[in-house]
Amino acid sequence: MWPRDLLPQKIPYSRVFLFKYNSNVAFDVSEAGIREHANALLDHLQGYREDSETTTIPIIFVGHSLGGLVIKQALVLAKQNDKVYGDIRKNTRALVFFATPHKGGNGASLGDRAASVVAFFTGNLRNDMLKLLNQSSKHLANLTVDFSHQYEDYQFLTVSETLGLVKAPIIVDASSAVIGLPGHREHVLQLNRDHRQICKFEGNSNSDFKLVARHLKRLADAAVENSPNQGRIQEDPEQRPIVAEPVGFELRASLGSQTDP
């Protein structure tokens, strides 16, 4: 997996954590499913940071597809439970989203976008899934509103796909994957890849990886520069920032489904 295998070559002062969750995708987009995964992410990350005495080290979260929704939910929950998870939210410096459906677009609602992602991962969309997605669409809309209050707290890198699958349209296009913040807050990339391949890089010589890694390093450098632990981060491996990729960055943490390679 590239955050673990390739990224340290570009950002040697980082440490990468991968957070994998069971991929019942239809359940993942329900309110209970997203909250369950978000709470698990917070608990695991907070536990590691406390055990290693690195609760003030900066964090960058990286998420693909529905994993980005788990990151957003985790940060909303962290703000609501500031006494327990406040260190995570306050030390999060940047968020990187690969083809995460943040909103509807081109005539499609956010629920429609989530349905497209579910259909992509499952190969079909049964009536019971459609019912669940319709019930979840209000929660997804509320999550977007709740998370919007934190837009000024982070830097964003949003990456969208430009290719559809064989005989299939683009799953999450730029109208859904781009949040729409000012340029000083959100940097937008488009990769000539489909929904599955958008965050799968063949090696460190791949041009798309080089592009993404360059922007990640820019975010990581800024996170370290603005950290009160700057000297310790450079000298002590345990003090390095975490990168999470849904599983994500502490400059490295990461969110990913167990069925994703």
C-alpha atoms as a PDB file:
ATOM      1  CA  MET A   1       0.000   0.000   0.000  1.00  0.00           C
ATOM      2  CA  TRP A   2       1.553   3.278  -1.129  1.00  0.00           C
ATOM      3  CA  PRO A   3       1.201   5.322   2.095  1.00  0.00           C
ATOM      4  CA  ARG A   4       3.166   2.644   3.940  1.00  0.00           C
ATOM      5  CA  ASP A   5       5.547   1.507   1.191  1.00  0.00           C
ATOM      6  CA  LEU A   6       6.222   4.612  -0.923  1.00  0.00           C
ATOM      7  CA  LEU A   7       5.418   7.741   1.043  1.00  0.00           C
ATOM      8  CA  PRO A   8       8.224   7.449   3.632  1.00  0.00           C
ATOM      9  CA  GLN A   9      10.683   7.696   0.745  1.00  0.00           C
ATOM     10  CA  LYS A  10       9.326  11.171  -0.014  1.00  0.00           C
ATOM     11  CA  ILE A  11       8.557  12.251   3.576  1.00  0.00           C
ATOM     12  CA  PRO A  12      11.174  10.454   5.714  1.00  0.00           C
ATOM     13  CA  TYR A  13      10.208  12.280   8.917  1.00  0.00           C
ATOM     14  CA  SER A  14       6.647  10.884   8.821  1.00  0.00           C
ATOM     15  CA  ARG A  15       5.086   7.737  10.246  1.00  0.00           C
ATOM     16  CA  VAL A  16       2.139   6.073   8.532  1.00  0.00           C
ATOM     17  CA  PHE A  17      -0.824   4.381  10.208  1.00  0.00           C
ATOM     18  CA  LEU A  18      -3.414   2.384   8.248  1.00  0.00           C
ATOM     19  CA  PHE A  19      -6.917   2.023   9.661  1.00  0.00           C
ATOM     20  CA  LYS A  20      -8.884  -0.767   7.987  1.00  0.00           C
ATOM     21  CA  TYR A  21     -12.543  -1.440   8.523  1.00  0.00           C
ATOM     22  CA  ASN A  22     -14.959  -4.163   7.462  1.00  0.00           C
ATOM     23  CA  SER A  23     -16.356  -3.248   4.099  1.00  0.00           C
ATOM     24  CA  ASN A  24     -20.083  -3.811   4.234  1.00  0.00           C
ATOM     25  CA  VAL A  25     -20.395  -0.721   2.067  1.00  0.00           C
ATOM     26  CA  ALA A  26     -24.157  -0.314   2.344  1.00  0.00           C
ATOM     27  CA  PHE A  27     -23.828  -0.318   6.132  1.00  0.00           C
ATOM     28  CA  ASP A  28     -20.849   2.011   5.982  1.00  0.00           C
ATOM     29  CA  VAL A  29     -22.928   4.860   4.548  1.00  0.00           C
ATOM     30  CA  SER A  30     -25.648   4.507   7.178  1.00  0.00           C
ATOM     31  CA  GLU A  31     -25.510   6.864  10.148  1.00  0.00           C
ATOM     32  CA  ALA A  32     -24.727   4.003  12.545  1.00  0.00           C
ATOM     33  CA  GLY A  33     -22.071   2.573  10.220  1.00  0.00           C
ATOM     34  CA  ILE A  34     -20.180   5.805   9.683  1.00  0.00           C
ATOM     35  CA  ARG A  35     -20.291   6.665  13.390  1.00  0.00           C
ATOM     36  CA  GLU A  36     -19.087   3.200  14.377  1.00  0.00           C
ATOM     37  CA  HIS A  37     -16.068   3.377  12.080  1.00  0.00           C
ATOM     38  CA  ALA A  38     -15.348   6.992  13.069  1.00  0.00           C
ATOM     39  CA  ASN A  39     -15.398   6.139  16.772  1.00  0.00           C
ATOM     40  CA  ALA A  40     -13.101   3.161  16.165  1.00  0.00           C
ATOM     41  CA  LEU A  41     -10.663   5.394  14.276  1.00  0.00           C
ATOM     42  CA  LEU A  42     -10.637   7.949  17.097  1.00  0.00           C
ATOM     43  CA  ASP A  43     -10.181   5.307  19.798  1.00  0.00           C
ATOM     44  CA  HIS A  44      -7.296   3.532  18.040  1.00  0.00           C
ATOM     45  CA  LEU A  45      -5.501   6.745  17.119  1.00  0.00           C
ATOM     46  CA  GLN A  46      -5.957   8.352  20.520  1.00  0.00           C
ATOM     47  CA  GLY A  47      -4.813   5.188  22.282  1.00  0.00           C
ATOM     48  CA  TYR A  48      -1.608   5.009  20.266  1.00  0.00           C
ATOM     49  CA  ARG A  49      -0.844   8.690  20.735  1.00  0.00           C
ATOM     50  CA  GLU A  50      -1.370   8.464  24.486  1.00  0.00           C
ATOM     51  CA  ASP A  51       0.686   5.270  24.845  1.00  0.00           C
ATOM     52  CA  SER A  52       3.576   6.757  22.864  1.00  0.00           C
ATOM     53  CA  GLU A  53       3.248  10.167  24.524  1.00  0.00           C
ATOM     54  CA  THR A  54       2.818  11.888  21.146  1.00  0.00           C
ATOM     55  CA  THR A  55      -0.541  13.607  21.655  1.00  0.00           C
ATOM     56  CA  THR A  56       0.739  16.940  20.325  1.00  0.00           C
ATOM     57  CA  ILE A  57       2.213  15.638  17.066  1.00  0.00           C
ATOM     58  CA  PRO A  58       0.488  16.991  13.908  1.00  0.00           C
ATOM     59  CA  ILE A  59      -1.810  14.756  11.866  1.00  0.00           C
ATOM     60  CA  ILE A  60      -2.731  14.574   8.191  1.00  0.00           C
ATOM     61  CA  PHE A  61      -5.655  12.308   7.282  1.00  0.00           C
ATOM     62  CA  VAL A  62      -5.852  10.674   3.857  1.00  0.00           C
ATOM     63  CA  GLY A  63      -9.005   8.909   2.717  1.00  0.00           C
ATOM     64  CA  HIS A  64     -10.376   7.220  -0.401  1.00  0.00           C
ATOM     65  CA  SER A  65     -14.031   7.245  -1.409  1.00  0.00           C
ATOM     66  CA  LEU A  66     -16.355   6.520   1.547  1.00  0.00           C
ATOM     67  CA  GLY A  67     -13.319   6.477   3.858  1.00  0.00           C
ATOM     68  CA  GLY A  68     -13.276  10.261   3.517  1.00  0.00           C
ATOM     69  CA  LEU A  69     -16.750  10.376   5.070  1.00  0.00           C
ATOM     70  CA  VAL A  70     -15.422   8.405   8.043  1.00  0.00           C
ATOM     71  CA  ILE A  71     -12.658  10.984   8.511  1.00  0.00           C
ATOM     72  CA  LYS A  72     -15.139  13.866   8.409  1.00  0.00           C
ATOM     73  CA  GLN A  73     -17.421  12.101  10.889  1.00  0.00           C
ATOM     74  CA  ALA A  74     -14.470  11.407  13.190  1.00  0.00           C
ATOM     75  CA  LEU A  75     -13.521  15.089  13.286  1.00  0.00           C
ATOM     76  CA  VAL A  76     -17.136  16.104  13.942  1.00  0.00           C
ATOM     77  CA  LEU A  77     -17.299  13.618  16.837  1.00  0.00           C
ATOM     78  CA  ALA A  78     -13.913  14.803  18.119  1.00  0.00           C
ATOM     79  CA  LYS A  79     -15.215  18.354  18.289  1.00  0.00           C
ATOM     80  CA  GLN A  80     -18.345  17.205  20.109  1.00  0.00           C
ATOM     81  CA  ASN A  81     -16.262  15.225  22.622  1.00  0.00           C
ATOM     82  CA  ASP A  82     -13.397  17.679  22.959  1.00  0.00           C
ATOM     83  CA  LYS A  83     -12.414  16.485  26.428  1.00  0.00           C
ATOM     84  CA  VAL A  84     -11.479  13.023  25.123  1.00  0.00           C
ATOM     85  CA  TYR A  85     -10.531  13.597  21.477  1.00  0.00           C
ATOM     86  CA  GLY A  86      -9.676  17.287  21.414  1.00  0.00           C
ATOM     87  CA  ASP A  87      -5.963  16.625  20.867  1.00  0.00           C
ATOM     88  CA  ILE A  88      -6.695  14.783  17.625  1.00  0.00           C
ATOM     89  CA  ARG A  89      -8.822  17.539  16.149  1.00  0.00           C
ATOM     90  CA  LYS A  90      -6.601  20.380  17.345  1.00  0.00           C
ATOM     91  CA  ASN A  91      -3.478  18.723  15.922  1.00  0.00           C
ATOM     92  CA  THR A  92      -5.004  17.788  12.576  1.00  0.00           C
ATOM     93  CA  ARG A  93      -3.361  20.041   9.996  1.00  0.00           C
ATOM     94  CA  ALA A  94      -4.601  18.764   6.645  1.00  0.00           C
ATOM     95  CA  LEU A  95      -7.066  16.394   4.978  1.00  0.00           C
ATOM     96  CA  VAL A  96      -6.499  14.592   1.684  1.00  0.00           C
ATOM     97  CA  PHE A  97      -9.516  13.102  -0.076  1.00  0.00           C
ATOM     98  CA  PHE A  98      -9.374  10.767  -3.081  1.00  0.00           C
ATOM     99  CA  ALA A  99     -12.736  10.675  -4.888  1.00  0.00           C
ATOM    100  CA  THR A 100     -14.770  11.233  -1.723  1.00  0.00           C
ATOM    101  CA  PRO A 101     -18.387  12.249  -2.446  1.00  0.00           C
ATOM    102  CA  HIS A 102     -18.734  15.527  -0.523  1.00  0.00           C
ATOM    103  CA  LYS A 103     -21.896  16.701  -2.290  1.00  0.00           C
ATOM    104  CA  GLY A 104     -24.197  16.077  -5.202  1.00  0.00           C
ATOM    105  CA  GLY A 105     -23.619  17.569  -8.608  1.00  0.00           C
ATOM    106  CA  ASN A 106     -24.715  17.540 -12.223  1.00  0.00           C
ATOM    107  CA  GLY A 107     -28.286  16.804 -11.181  1.00  0.00           C
ATOM    108  CA  ALA A 108     -27.371  14.042  -8.711  1.00  0.00           C
ATOM    109  CA  SER A 109     -27.930  14.261  -4.956  1.00  0.00           C
ATOM    110  CA  LEU A 110     -25.360  13.252  -2.362  1.00  0.00           C
ATOM    111  CA  GLY A 111     -27.439  10.116  -1.779  1.00  0.00           C
ATOM    112  CA  ASP A 112     -27.195   9.351  -5.509  1.00  0.00           C
ATOM    113  CA  ARG A 113     -23.435   9.723  -5.318  1.00  0.00           C
ATOM    114  CA  ALA A 114     -23.268   7.337  -2.355  1.00  0.00           C
ATOM    115  CA  ALA A 115     -25.465   4.894  -4.270  1.00  0.00           C
ATOM    116  CA  SER A 116     -23.032   5.009  -7.189  1.00  0.00           C
ATOM    117  CA  VAL A 117     -20.151   4.173  -4.864  1.00  0.00           C
ATOM    118  CA  VAL A 118     -22.081   1.293  -3.281  1.00  0.00           C
ATOM    119  CA  ALA A 119     -23.016  -0.081  -6.687  1.00  0.00           C
ATOM    120  CA  PHE A 120     -19.364   0.158  -7.732  1.00  0.00           C
ATOM    121  CA  PHE A 121     -18.079  -1.839  -4.752  1.00  0.00           C
ATOM    122  CA  THR A 122     -20.890  -4.403  -4.645  1.00  0.00           C
ATOM    123  CA  GLY A 123     -21.521  -4.834  -8.368  1.00  0.00           C
ATOM    124  CA  ASN A 124     -25.234  -4.187  -7.923  1.00  0.00           C
ATOM    125  CA  LEU A 125     -27.683  -2.133  -5.928  1.00  0.00           C
ATOM    126  CA  ARG A 126     -30.515  -4.152  -4.400  1.00  0.00           C
ATOM    127  CA  ASN A 127     -33.791  -2.632  -3.245  1.00  0.00           C
ATOM    128  CA  ASP A 128     -32.813  -3.044   0.412  1.00  0.00           C
ATOM    129  CA  MET A 129     -29.596  -1.106  -0.252  1.00  0.00           C
ATOM    130  CA  LEU A 130     -31.526   1.652  -2.002  1.00  0.00           C
ATOM    131  CA  LYS A 131     -33.846   1.931   1.001  1.00  0.00           C
ATOM    132  CA  LEU A 132     -30.882   2.176   3.360  1.00  0.00           C
ATOM    133  CA  LEU A 133     -29.214   4.805   1.183  1.00  0.00           C
ATOM    134  CA  ASN A 134     -32.390   6.865   1.057  1.00  0.00           C
ATOM    135  CA  GLN A 135     -32.554   6.753   4.843  1.00  0.00           C
ATOM    136  CA  SER A 136     -28.872   7.718   5.034  1.00  0.00           C
ATOM    137  CA  SER A 137     -29.024  10.644   2.620  1.00  0.00           C
ATOM    138  CA  LYS A 138     -30.298  13.007   5.321  1.00  0.00           C
ATOM    139  CA  HIS A 139     -27.439  11.993   7.615  1.00  0.00           C
ATOM    140  CA  LEU A 140     -24.904  12.520   4.821  1.00  0.00           C
ATOM    141  CA  ALA A 141     -26.323  15.986   4.207  1.00  0.00           C
ATOM    142  CA  ASN A 142     -26.185  16.760   7.937  1.00  0.00           C
ATOM    143  CA  LEU A 143     -22.595  15.506   8.085  1.00  0.00           C
ATOM    144  CA  THR A 144     -21.666  17.924   5.307  1.00  0.00           C
ATOM    145  CA  VAL A 145     -23.212  20.824   7.244  1.00  0.00           C
ATOM    146  CA  ASP A 146     -21.660  19.797  10.575  1.00  0.00           C
ATOM    147  CA  PHE A 147     -18.223  19.408   9.055  1.00  0.00           C
ATOM    148  CA  SER A 148     -18.443  22.737   7.193  1.00  0.00           C
ATOM    149  CA  HIS A 149     -17.889  24.522  10.518  1.00  0.00           C
ATOM    150  CA  GLN A 150     -14.328  23.143  10.505  1.00  0.00           C
ATOM    151  CA  TYR A 151     -13.363  24.250   6.988  1.00  0.00           C
ATOM    152  CA  GLU A 152     -11.159  27.029   8.341  1.00  0.00           C
ATOM    153  CA  ASP A 153      -9.259  24.636  10.613  1.00  0.00           C
ATOM    154  CA  TYR A 154      -7.444  22.586   7.954  1.00  0.00           C
ATOM    155  CA  GLN A 155      -5.743  22.596   4.589  1.00  0.00           C
ATOM    156  CA  PHE A 156      -7.404  20.382   1.972  1.00  0.00           C
ATOM    157  CA  LEU A 157      -6.162  18.398  -1.000  1.00  0.00           C
ATOM    158  CA  THR A 158      -9.024  16.950  -3.038  1.00  0.00           C
ATOM    159  CA  VAL A 159      -8.318  14.505  -5.855  1.00  0.00           C
ATOM    160  CA  SER A 160     -10.959  13.569  -8.423  1.00  0.00           C
ATOM    161  CA  GLU A 161     -11.132  10.887 -11.099  1.00  0.00           C
ATOM    162  CA  THR A 162     -11.589  11.626 -14.800  1.00  0.00           C
ATOM    163  CA  LEU A 163     -12.122   8.088 -16.130  1.00  0.00           C
ATOM    164  CA  GLY A 164     -15.130   5.836 -15.871  1.00  0.00           C
ATOM    165  CA  LEU A 165     -14.962   2.064 -15.766  1.00  0.00           C
ATOM    166  CA  VAL A 166     -15.641  -0.102 -18.801  1.00  0.00           C
ATOM    167  CA  LYS A 167     -19.251   0.557 -19.829  1.00  0.00           C
ATOM    168  CA  ALA A 168     -19.716   2.648 -16.664  1.00  0.00           C
ATOM    169  CA  PRO A 169     -19.684   6.386 -15.973  1.00  0.00           C
ATOM    170  CA  ILE A 170     -17.346   8.239 -13.648  1.00  0.00           C
ATOM    171  CA  ILE A 171     -18.324   7.284 -10.093  1.00  0.00           C
ATOM    172  CA  VAL A 172     -17.394  10.518  -8.242  1.00  0.00           C
ATOM    173  CA  ASP A 173     -16.652  13.377 -10.614  1.00  0.00           C
ATOM    174  CA  ALA A 174     -15.149  16.751  -9.763  1.00  0.00           C
ATOM    175  CA  SER A 175     -18.548  18.320  -9.054  1.00  0.00           C
ATOM    176  CA  SER A 176     -18.873  15.943  -6.086  1.00  0.00           C
ATOM    177  CA  ALA A 177     -15.243  15.341  -5.114  1.00  0.00           C
ATOM    178  CA  VAL A 178     -14.231  19.020  -4.905  1.00  0.00           C
ATOM    179  CA  ILE A 179     -15.423  20.810  -1.762  1.00  0.00           C
ATOM    180  CA  GLY A 180     -15.291  24.250  -3.372  1.00  0.00           C
ATOM    181  CA  LEU A 181     -13.180  26.200  -0.873  1.00  0.00           C
ATOM    182  CA  PRO A 182     -10.925  29.146  -1.796  1.00  0.00           C
ATOM    183  CA  GLY A 183      -7.589  28.282  -3.375  1.00  0.00           C
ATOM    184  CA  HIS A 184      -5.593  29.125  -0.261  1.00  0.00           C
ATOM    185  CA  ARG A 185      -7.622  26.509   1.639  1.00  0.00           C
ATOM    186  CA  GLU A 186      -8.218  23.739  -0.934  1.00  0.00           C
ATOM    187  CA  HIS A 187      -5.923  22.510  -3.685  1.00  0.00           C
ATOM    188  CA  VAL A 188      -7.597  20.417  -6.388  1.00  0.00           C
ATOM    189  CA  LEU A 189      -6.008  17.660  -8.477  1.00  0.00           C
ATOM    190  CA  GLN A 190      -7.531  15.601 -11.275  1.00  0.00           C
ATOM    191  CA  LEU A 191      -5.955  12.260 -12.145  1.00  0.00           C
ATOM    192  CA  ASN A 192      -6.576  10.381 -15.365  1.00  0.00           C
ATOM    193  CA  ARG A 193      -7.736   7.342 -13.408  1.00  0.00           C
ATOM    194  CA  ASP A 194     -10.966   5.576 -12.472  1.00  0.00           C
ATOM    195  CA  HIS A 195     -12.502   5.225  -9.010  1.00  0.00           C
ATOM    196  CA  ARG A 196     -10.585   2.072  -8.117  1.00  0.00           C
ATOM    197  CA  GLN A 197      -7.187   3.125  -9.438  1.00  0.00           C
ATOM    198  CA  ILE A 198      -7.206   6.754  -8.288  1.00  0.00           C
ATOM    199  CA  CYS A 199      -5.137   5.994  -5.206  1.00  0.00           C
ATOM    200  CA  LYS A 200      -3.212   2.926  -6.358  1.00  0.00           C
ATOM    201  CA  PHE A 201       0.265   3.851  -7.487  1.00  0.00           C
ATOM    202  CA  GLU A 202       2.585   1.369  -9.184  1.00  0.00           C
ATOM    203  CA  GLY A 203       5.816   2.726  -7.723  1.00  0.00           C
ATOM    204  CA  ASN A 204       7.729   5.810  -6.712  1.00  0.00           C
ATOM    205  CA  SER A 205       8.554   6.602 -10.340  1.00  0.00           C
ATOM    206  CA  ASN A 206       4.881   6.849 -11.302  1.00  0.00           C
ATOM    207  CA  SER A 207       4.067  10.410 -12.406  1.00  0.00           C
ATOM    208  CA  ASP A 208       0.745  10.508 -10.541  1.00  0.00           C
ATOM    209  CA  PHE A 209       2.425   9.347  -7.340  1.00  0.00           C
ATOM    210  CA  LYS A 210       5.101  12.006  -7.722  1.00  0.00           C
ATOM    211  CA  LEU A 211       2.417  14.666  -8.144  1.00  0.00           C
ATOM    212  CA  VAL A 212       0.414  13.545  -5.105  1.00  0.00           C
ATOM    213  CA  ALA A 213       3.538  13.014  -2.972  1.00  0.00           C
ATOM    214  CA  ARG A 214       4.798  16.507  -3.787  1.00  0.00           C
ATOM    215  CA  HIS A 215       1.577  18.054  -2.497  1.00  0.00           C
ATOM    216  CA  LEU A 216       1.558  15.783   0.550  1.00  0.00           C
ATOM    217  CA  LYS A 217       5.116  16.811   1.357  1.00  0.00           C
ATOM    218  CA  ARG A 218       4.114  20.465   1.091  1.00  0.00           C
ATOM    219  CA  LEU A 219       1.331  19.850   3.619  1.00  0.00           C
ATOM    220  CA  ALA A 220       3.648  17.829   5.868  1.00  0.00           C
ATOM    221  CA  ASP A 221       6.380  20.469   5.784  1.00  0.00           C
ATOM    222  CA  ALA A 222       3.864  23.140   6.769  1.00  0.00           C
ATOM    223  CA  ALA A 223       2.510  20.951   9.578  1.00  0.00           C
ATOM    224  CA  VAL A 224       5.975  20.391  11.019  1.00  0.00           C
ATOM    225  CA  GLU A 225       7.028  24.015  10.581  1.00  0.00           C
ATOM    226  CA  ASN A 226       4.037  25.196  12.586  1.00  0.00           C
ATOM    227  CA  SER A 227       4.400  22.523  15.266  1.00  0.00           C
ATOM    228  CA  PRO A 228       5.800  23.387  18.721  1.00  0.00           C
ATOM    229  CA  ASN A 229       7.538  19.976  18.547  1.00  0.00           C
ATOM    230  CA  GLN A 230       9.510  20.787  15.400  1.00  0.00           C
ATOM    231  CA  GLY A 231      12.930  19.950  16.856  1.00  0.00           C
ATOM    232  CA  ARG A 232      11.734  16.740  18.478  1.00  0.00           C
ATOM    233  CA  ILE A 233      10.021  15.618  15.268  1.00  0.00           C
ATOM    234  CA  GLN A 234      13.254  15.843  13.305  1.00  0.00           C
ATOM    235  CA  GLU A 235      15.327  13.998  15.941  1.00  0.00           C
ATOM    236  CA  ASP A 236      13.040  11.381  17.473  1.00  0.00           C
ATOM    237  CA  PRO A 237      11.223   8.801  15.249  1.00  0.00           C
ATOM    238  CA  GLU A 238       8.505   8.443  17.871  1.00  0.00           C
ATOM    239  CA  GLN A 239       7.754  12.156  17.577  1.00  0.00           C
ATOM    240  CA  ARG A 240       7.231  12.086  13.831  1.00  0.00           C
ATOM    241  CA  PRO A 241       3.875  13.322  12.594  1.00  0.00           C
ATOM    242  CA  ILE A 242       1.197  10.784  11.694  1.00  0.00           C
ATOM    243  CA  VAL A 243      -0.248  10.401   8.241  1.00  0.00           C
ATOM    244  CA  ALA A 244      -3.627   8.726   8.219  1.00  0.00           C
ATOM    245  CA  GLU A 245      -5.256   7.327   5.184  1.00  0.00           C
ATOM    246  CA  PRO A 246      -8.524   5.697   5.954  1.00  0.00           C
ATOM    247  CA  VAL A 247      -6.903   4.690   7.486  1.00  0.00           C
ATOM    248  CA  GLY A 248      -4.781   7.867   7.636  1.00  0.00           C
ATOM    249  CA  PHE A 249      -1.732  10.460   8.327  1.00  0.00           C
ATOM    250  CA  GLU A 250      -0.224  11.121  12.170  1.00  0.00           C
ATOM    251  CA  LEU A 251       1.579  12.284   9.388  1.00  0.00           C
ATOM    252  CA  ARG A 252       0.386   9.159   8.634  1.00  0.00           C
ATOM    253  CA  ALA A 253      -2.972   7.712   9.221  1.00  0.00           C
ATOM    254  CA  SER A 254      -5.077   6.011   6.641  1.00  0.00           C
ATOM    255  CA  LEU A 255      -8.695   4.756   6.247  1.00  0.00           C
ATOM    256  CA  GLY A 256      -9.304   1.793   3.996  1.00  0.00           C
ATOM    257  CA  SER A 257     -11.730  -1.072   3.520  1.00  0.00           C
ATOM    258  CA  GLN A 258     -10.490  -4.562   4.266  1.00  0.00           C
ATOM    259  CA  THR A 259     -11.558  -5.633   0.794  1.00  0.00           C
ATOM    260  CA  ASP A 260      -9.406  -2.971  -0.856  1.00  0.00           C
ATOM    261  CA  PRO A 261      -6.002  -4.253  -1.965  1.00  0.00           C
END
